[in-house]
Amino acid sequence: MQLLIWSDTRDAKRAGATEEDIQEAVAMSALTRHWSTIFNGMQVDFETFKKEMGGQ
């Protein structure tokens, strides 16, 4: 896994990503994993969630 992270980071930098871009991507992926774990673990109904958040 560590090798994949290293190579993905290297490739992102080669494509023009800055350190800040990479840090933001890592933070967003961590947040996504966190909330996905909570919502799935609590078996939150997606349609109910959308209504409660003001979605359609």
N, C-alpha and C. Protein backbone atom coordinates (compact mmCIF):
# COMPACT_ATOMS: atom_id res chain seq x y z
N MET A 1 0.83 -1.20 0.00
CA MET A 1 0.00 0.00 0.00
C MET A 1 0.87 1.26 0.00
N GLN A 2 1.92 1.25 0.79
CA GLN A 2 2.79 2.41 0.88
C GLN A 2 3.40 2.75 -0.49
N LEU A 3 3.73 1.71 -1.25
CA LEU A 3 4.29 1.93 -2.58
C LEU A 3 3.27 2.61 -3.49
N LEU A 4 2.00 2.22 -3.38
CA LEU A 4 0.96 2.85 -4.20
C LEU A 4 0.79 4.33 -3.85
N ILE A 5 0.82 4.64 -2.56
CA ILE A 5 0.70 6.03 -2.15
C ILE A 5 1.87 6.84 -2.68
N TRP A 6 3.07 6.29 -2.56
CA TRP A 6 4.26 6.98 -3.05
C TRP A 6 4.15 7.24 -4.55
N SER A 7 3.77 6.21 -5.31
CA SER A 7 3.71 6.37 -6.77
C SER A 7 2.57 7.31 -7.19
N ASP A 8 1.44 7.25 -6.49
CA ASP A 8 0.34 8.17 -6.80
C ASP A 8 0.74 9.61 -6.52
N THR A 9 1.46 9.82 -5.42
CA THR A 9 1.93 11.16 -5.08
C THR A 9 2.93 11.66 -6.12
N ARG A 10 3.84 10.80 -6.49
CA ARG A 10 4.83 11.17 -7.51
C ARG A 10 4.13 11.53 -8.82
N ASP A 11 3.16 10.70 -9.23
CA ASP A 11 2.43 10.96 -10.48
C ASP A 11 1.64 12.26 -10.41
N ALA A 12 1.05 12.54 -9.25
CA ALA A 12 0.29 13.79 -9.09
C ALA A 12 1.22 14.99 -9.24
N LYS A 13 2.40 14.90 -8.62
CA LYS A 13 3.37 16.00 -8.74
C LYS A 13 3.82 16.17 -10.18
N ARG A 14 4.05 15.07 -10.87
CA ARG A 14 4.45 15.15 -12.28
C ARG A 14 3.36 15.80 -13.13
N ALA A 15 2.11 15.62 -12.72
CA ALA A 15 0.99 16.19 -13.45
C ALA A 15 0.73 17.65 -13.05
N GLY A 16 1.52 18.15 -12.10
CA GLY A 16 1.40 19.55 -11.74
C GLY A 16 0.77 19.84 -10.40
N ALA A 17 0.43 18.81 -9.64
CA ALA A 17 -0.18 19.03 -8.33
C ALA A 17 0.86 19.62 -7.37
N THR A 18 0.39 20.54 -6.56
CA THR A 18 1.27 21.12 -5.53
C THR A 18 1.13 20.29 -4.25
N GLU A 19 2.01 20.57 -3.28
CA GLU A 19 1.92 19.91 -1.98
C GLU A 19 0.56 20.19 -1.36
N GLU A 20 0.09 21.41 -1.50
CA GLU A 20 -1.22 21.79 -0.96
C GLU A 20 -2.34 20.99 -1.64
N ASP A 21 -2.26 20.81 -2.95
CA ASP A 21 -3.25 20.01 -3.67
C ASP A 21 -3.30 18.59 -3.12
N ILE A 22 -2.13 18.02 -2.91
CA ILE A 22 -2.05 16.65 -2.43
C ILE A 22 -2.59 16.55 -1.01
N GLN A 23 -2.25 17.50 -0.17
CA GLN A 23 -2.75 17.50 1.20
C GLN A 23 -4.28 17.62 1.23
N GLU A 24 -4.82 18.45 0.37
CA GLU A 24 -6.27 18.60 0.30
C GLU A 24 -6.93 17.30 -0.16
N ALA A 25 -6.33 16.65 -1.15
CA ALA A 25 -6.88 15.38 -1.63
C ALA A 25 -6.87 14.33 -0.54
N VAL A 26 -5.79 14.28 0.23
CA VAL A 26 -5.70 13.32 1.34
C VAL A 26 -6.77 13.63 2.39
N ALA A 27 -6.94 14.91 2.73
CA ALA A 27 -7.94 15.30 3.72
C ALA A 27 -9.35 14.95 3.25
N MET A 28 -9.65 15.22 1.98
CA MET A 28 -10.98 14.91 1.45
C MET A 28 -11.24 13.41 1.43
N SER A 29 -10.24 12.63 1.08
CA SER A 29 -10.43 11.17 1.08
C SER A 29 -10.64 10.65 2.50
N ALA A 30 -9.96 11.25 3.48
CA ALA A 30 -10.15 10.84 4.87
C ALA A 30 -11.56 11.17 5.34
N LEU A 31 -12.04 12.37 4.99
CA LEU A 31 -13.40 12.75 5.38
C LEU A 31 -14.44 11.85 4.72
N THR A 32 -14.24 11.55 3.46
CA THR A 32 -15.17 10.68 2.74
C THR A 32 -15.23 9.30 3.38
N ARG A 33 -14.07 8.74 3.69
CA ARG A 33 -14.04 7.42 4.34
C ARG A 33 -14.72 7.48 5.71
N HIS A 34 -14.43 8.53 6.47
CA HIS A 34 -15.01 8.68 7.80
C HIS A 34 -16.53 8.69 7.75
N TRP A 35 -17.09 9.58 6.95
CA TRP A 35 -18.55 9.71 6.90
C TRP A 35 -19.21 8.51 6.25
N SER A 36 -18.56 7.91 5.29
CA SER A 36 -19.10 6.70 4.68
C SER A 36 -19.22 5.58 5.71
N THR A 37 -18.20 5.46 6.56
CA THR A 37 -18.22 4.46 7.62
C THR A 37 -19.36 4.72 8.59
N ILE A 38 -19.55 5.98 8.97
CA ILE A 38 -20.62 6.32 9.90
C ILE A 38 -21.99 6.07 9.28
N PHE A 39 -22.22 6.59 8.07
CA PHE A 39 -23.53 6.44 7.44
C PHE A 39 -23.88 4.98 7.16
N ASN A 40 -22.90 4.23 6.68
CA ASN A 40 -23.17 2.81 6.41
C ASN A 40 -23.30 2.01 7.69
N GLY A 41 -22.47 2.31 8.68
CA GLY A 41 -22.54 1.59 9.95
C GLY A 41 -23.85 1.83 10.68
N MET A 42 -24.37 3.04 10.58
CA MET A 42 -25.64 3.37 11.23
C MET A 42 -26.83 3.06 10.32
N GLN A 43 -26.56 2.59 9.13
CA GLN A 43 -27.57 2.25 8.13
C GLN A 43 -28.54 3.41 7.89
N VAL A 44 -27.97 4.57 7.65
CA VAL A 44 -28.75 5.78 7.37
C VAL A 44 -29.41 5.63 6.00
N ASP A 45 -30.71 5.87 5.96
CA ASP A 45 -31.45 5.80 4.70
C ASP A 45 -31.12 7.05 3.87
N PHE A 46 -30.66 6.84 2.64
CA PHE A 46 -30.21 7.96 1.81
C PHE A 46 -31.33 8.94 1.50
N GLU A 47 -32.51 8.47 1.20
CA GLU A 47 -33.62 9.38 0.86
C GLU A 47 -34.01 10.23 2.08
N THR A 48 -34.03 9.63 3.26
CA THR A 48 -34.32 10.38 4.49
C THR A 48 -33.23 11.42 4.73
N PHE A 49 -32.00 11.02 4.55
CA PHE A 49 -30.86 11.94 4.74
C PHE A 49 -30.99 13.13 3.80
N LYS A 50 -31.29 12.89 2.53
CA LYS A 50 -31.43 13.99 1.58
C LYS A 50 -32.53 14.97 2.01
N LYS A 51 -33.67 14.44 2.45
CA LYS A 51 -34.78 15.30 2.88
C LYS A 51 -34.38 16.12 4.09
N GLU A 52 -33.70 15.49 5.04
CA GLU A 52 -33.30 16.21 6.26
C GLU A 52 -32.26 17.29 5.96
N MET A 53 -31.48 17.11 4.91
CA MET A 53 -30.45 18.08 4.55
C MET A 53 -30.95 19.11 3.55
N GLY A 54 -32.24 19.07 3.21
CA GLY A 54 -32.81 20.05 2.32
C GLY A 54 -32.69 19.69 0.85
N GLY A 55 -32.29 18.46 0.58
CA GLY A 55 -32.20 18.01 -0.81
C GLY A 55 -33.55 17.58 -1.33
N GLN A 56 -33.57 17.20 -2.58
CA GLN A 56 -34.85 16.82 -3.19
C GLN A 56 -35.09 15.34 -3.10
